[in-house]
Protein backbone atom coordinates (compact mmCIF):
# COMPACT_ATOMS: atom_id res chain seq x y z
CA TYR A 1 33.47 127.48 67.80
CA GLY A 2 37.23 128.37 67.67
CA THR A 3 39.82 129.22 70.65
CA VAL A 4 41.92 132.26 71.17
CA LEU A 5 44.90 133.14 73.40
CA SER A 6 45.03 136.73 73.40
CA ASN A 7 47.98 136.71 75.95
CA ARG A 8 50.75 134.70 77.85
CA GLY A 9 51.30 134.57 81.47
CA CYS A 10 50.39 135.97 84.62
CA ARG A 11 50.31 138.31 86.90
CA ALA A 12 50.37 136.32 89.96
CA SER A 13 52.61 134.04 91.81
CA CYS A 14 50.57 130.94 92.55
CA THR A 15 52.60 128.53 94.28
CA PHE A 16 50.25 125.14 92.73
CA CYS A 17 50.69 127.28 89.13
CA GLY A 18 53.20 126.45 86.63
CA VAL A 19 52.26 129.45 83.86
CA LEU A 20 55.57 131.26 85.38
CA ASP A 21 58.15 128.00 84.66
CA PHE A 22 56.87 128.96 80.74
CA TYR A 23 56.22 132.49 80.95
CA PRO A 24 58.45 133.68 84.01
CA ASN A 25 58.79 137.81 82.56
CA GLY A 26 55.44 138.40 83.38
CA VAL A 27 51.67 139.28 80.67
CA ARG A 28 52.72 139.38 76.76
CA ALA A 29 49.89 140.91 75.51
CA ARG A 30 49.04 141.26 71.48
CA THR A 31 47.16 144.20 70.63
CA ALA A 32 44.02 144.48 71.09
CA ARG A 33 43.16 145.02 67.00
CA SER A 34 45.29 141.88 66.53
CA VAL A 35 43.34 139.88 68.32
CA VAL A 36 39.50 141.18 67.15
CA ASP A 37 40.92 141.22 63.65
CA GLU A 38 41.74 137.55 64.22
CA ILE A 39 37.96 136.75 65.69
CA LYS A 40 36.76 138.66 62.63
CA PHE A 41 38.80 136.23 60.18
CA LEU A 42 37.25 133.34 62.23
CA ALA A 43 33.72 135.07 62.31
CA GLU A 44 33.43 136.32 58.83
CA GLU A 45 35.83 133.48 56.82
CA LYS A 46 35.02 130.09 59.05
CA GLY A 47 31.27 130.68 60.53
CA VAL A 48 32.69 131.37 64.27
CA ARG A 49 29.88 132.49 66.75
CA LEU A 50 31.76 131.43 69.75
CA ILE A 51 35.39 131.15 71.35
CA ASP A 52 36.51 130.06 74.48
CA TRP A 53 39.62 132.27 75.89
CA LEU A 54 42.70 130.07 76.60
CA ASP A 55 44.04 132.98 78.14
CA ASP A 56 45.81 132.73 82.03
CA ASP A 57 45.29 136.42 82.89
CA LEU A 58 42.67 138.01 80.22
CA VAL A 59 42.05 141.23 82.13
CA TYR A 60 45.21 141.41 83.41
CA SER A 61 45.15 144.89 82.41
CA LYS A 62 41.77 147.09 82.57
CA GLU A 63 42.18 149.45 79.93
CA ARG A 64 43.70 146.61 77.63
CA SER A 65 40.07 144.48 78.35
CA VAL A 66 38.45 147.49 78.23
CA GLU A 67 39.58 148.30 75.29
CA LEU A 68 39.36 144.88 73.55
CA PHE A 69 35.89 143.85 74.69
CA LYS A 70 34.64 147.84 72.56
CA LEU A 71 36.10 146.62 69.46
CA MET A 72 34.61 143.32 69.69
CA ALA A 73 31.39 144.63 70.69
CA GLU A 74 31.46 147.37 67.81
CA GLU A 75 32.89 144.75 65.39
CA LEU A 76 31.87 141.34 65.43
CA PRO A 77 28.86 140.06 64.70
CA SER A 78 24.97 140.70 66.81
CA ASP A 79 25.10 136.45 67.68
CA PHE A 80 29.09 136.29 68.47
CA GLU A 81 29.40 134.82 71.77
CA TRP A 82 32.41 133.66 74.25
CA THR A 83 32.90 131.96 77.16
CA ALA A 84 36.15 131.79 79.03
CA VAL A 85 36.34 128.72 81.53
CA ASN A 86 40.42 128.43 82.25
CA GLY A 87 39.43 130.93 84.79
CA ILE A 88 39.77 134.49 85.08
CA THR A 89 41.29 136.88 88.34
CA GLY A 90 37.88 137.49 89.55
CA CYS A 91 39.26 141.05 91.81
CA ALA A 92 40.19 142.47 88.73
CA ILE A 93 36.84 142.46 87.14
CA THR A 94 35.60 146.55 87.23
CA GLU A 95 31.87 147.61 86.63
CA GLU A 96 33.62 148.90 83.49
CA ILE A 97 35.11 145.99 82.00
CA MET A 98 32.28 143.59 83.33
CA TYR A 99 29.43 145.67 80.99
CA TRP A 100 32.06 145.52 78.03
CA MET A 101 32.44 141.72 78.80
CA VAL A 102 28.42 141.53 78.27
CA GLN A 103 28.60 144.12 75.30
CA SER A 104 31.20 141.67 73.33
CA GLY A 105 29.00 138.36 73.82
CA CYS A 106 29.89 136.94 77.39
CA LYS A 107 27.97 134.15 78.03
CA ALA A 108 30.05 132.39 81.03
CA PHE A 109 33.30 132.47 82.55
CA ARG A 110 34.99 131.10 85.70
CA VAL A 111 37.24 133.03 88.11
CA GLY A 112 40.00 130.58 89.76
CA VAL A 113 38.44 131.41 93.59
CA GLU A 114 40.76 128.60 94.67
CA SER A 115 40.37 128.61 98.46
CA GLY A 116 37.77 130.00 100.55
CA ASN A 117 40.28 130.37 103.86
CA GLU A 118 42.09 133.51 104.14
CA ALA A 119 45.24 132.15 105.46
CA MET A 120 45.61 129.46 102.29
CA LEU A 121 44.87 132.53 100.25
CA ARG A 122 47.83 134.23 101.35
CA LYS A 123 49.58 130.96 101.56
CA ILE A 124 49.45 130.32 97.48
CA ARG A 125 49.95 133.76 97.05
CA LYS A 126 46.47 133.99 95.52
CA PRO A 127 46.19 137.58 94.22
CA ALA A 128 42.16 137.24 95.77
CA THR A 129 40.78 137.68 99.16
CA LYS A 130 37.51 136.48 100.26
CA ASP A 131 35.86 140.21 100.26
CA GLY A 132 36.82 141.45 97.51
CA LEU A 133 35.26 137.70 95.82
CA ARG A 134 31.83 138.44 97.89
CA GLN A 135 32.03 141.87 95.91
CA VAL A 136 32.70 140.98 92.43
CA GLY A 137 29.60 138.47 93.31
CA ILE A 138 27.45 141.10 94.39
CA MET A 139 28.39 143.08 90.33
CA PHE A 140 27.80 139.29 88.64
CA ASN A 141 24.33 139.08 90.11
CA LYS A 142 23.74 142.38 88.36
CA TYR A 143 24.44 140.12 85.30
CA PRO A 144 22.04 137.04 85.58
CA GLN A 145 22.19 136.33 81.50
CA VAL A 146 26.35 135.60 82.45
CA PHE A 147 26.69 132.03 84.23
CA VAL A 148 29.66 132.22 86.18
CA GLY A 149 30.98 129.40 87.88
CA GLY A 150 33.90 128.95 90.83
CA ASN A 151 36.92 127.31 90.76
CA TYR A 152 38.24 125.24 93.76
CA MET A 153 40.88 123.74 95.03
CA LEU A 154 41.14 121.18 97.55
CA GLY A 155 44.09 119.31 98.91
CA PHE A 156 47.20 122.03 99.96
CA PRO A 157 50.23 120.91 101.31
CA ASP A 158 49.73 120.94 105.11
CA GLU A 159 45.73 121.90 104.60
CA THR A 160 43.33 120.90 107.54
CA PHE A 161 40.01 119.61 107.01
CA GLY A 162 38.45 122.21 108.35
CA GLU A 163 40.52 124.48 105.78
CA MET A 164 38.68 122.19 103.46
CA MET A 165 35.53 123.52 104.70
CA ASP A 166 36.03 126.86 104.90
CA THR A 167 36.05 126.63 100.98
CA PHE A 168 33.01 124.34 100.67
CA ASP A 169 31.15 126.29 102.39
CA PHE A 170 32.06 129.73 100.82
CA ALA A 171 31.36 127.83 97.89
CA ASN A 172 27.73 127.69 99.19
CA GLU A 173 28.38 131.13 100.25
CA LEU A 174 29.09 133.21 97.05
CA SER A 175 26.29 130.97 95.34
CA TRP A 176 27.48 131.00 92.02
CA ASP A 177 26.29 129.03 89.34
CA TRP A 178 28.37 126.77 89.43
CA ALA A 179 31.32 126.26 91.55
């Protein structure tokens, strides 16, 4: 087991998150080649067969994500697996990205949903909508071999009990593997 960091920073500016305090200039990424070379070293020299991504915004770029996961699928051992429990920006996952995620050994990831209330999502500046999350949820269902979790938050400043219940209800509606 090992951890890998392929980029630093995040495209979003969510009000509850401290990433922008540390990385205020957006996402700084390593090349897909350098990341895959590191993972190959871990696999070949250290026997690592599972990594967990530490990135705050792993799939920030469609082109880079496809390149990274495609290289992993082509160059890593067939028994290599990975997870991303820190959370992925769910609405950024396209069909092509998801395909290559699975081909490259993805076994589990979590999506930062945060709230099931549209007004709260806008208030906290989350780059997601409930409809967008529903749509990627349909795509996730095409890959039952991948464990998908949703990360949720309750108790935002001025959040009402009803807004918290919207989040509970939305988690039930999405019916992902974990909430």
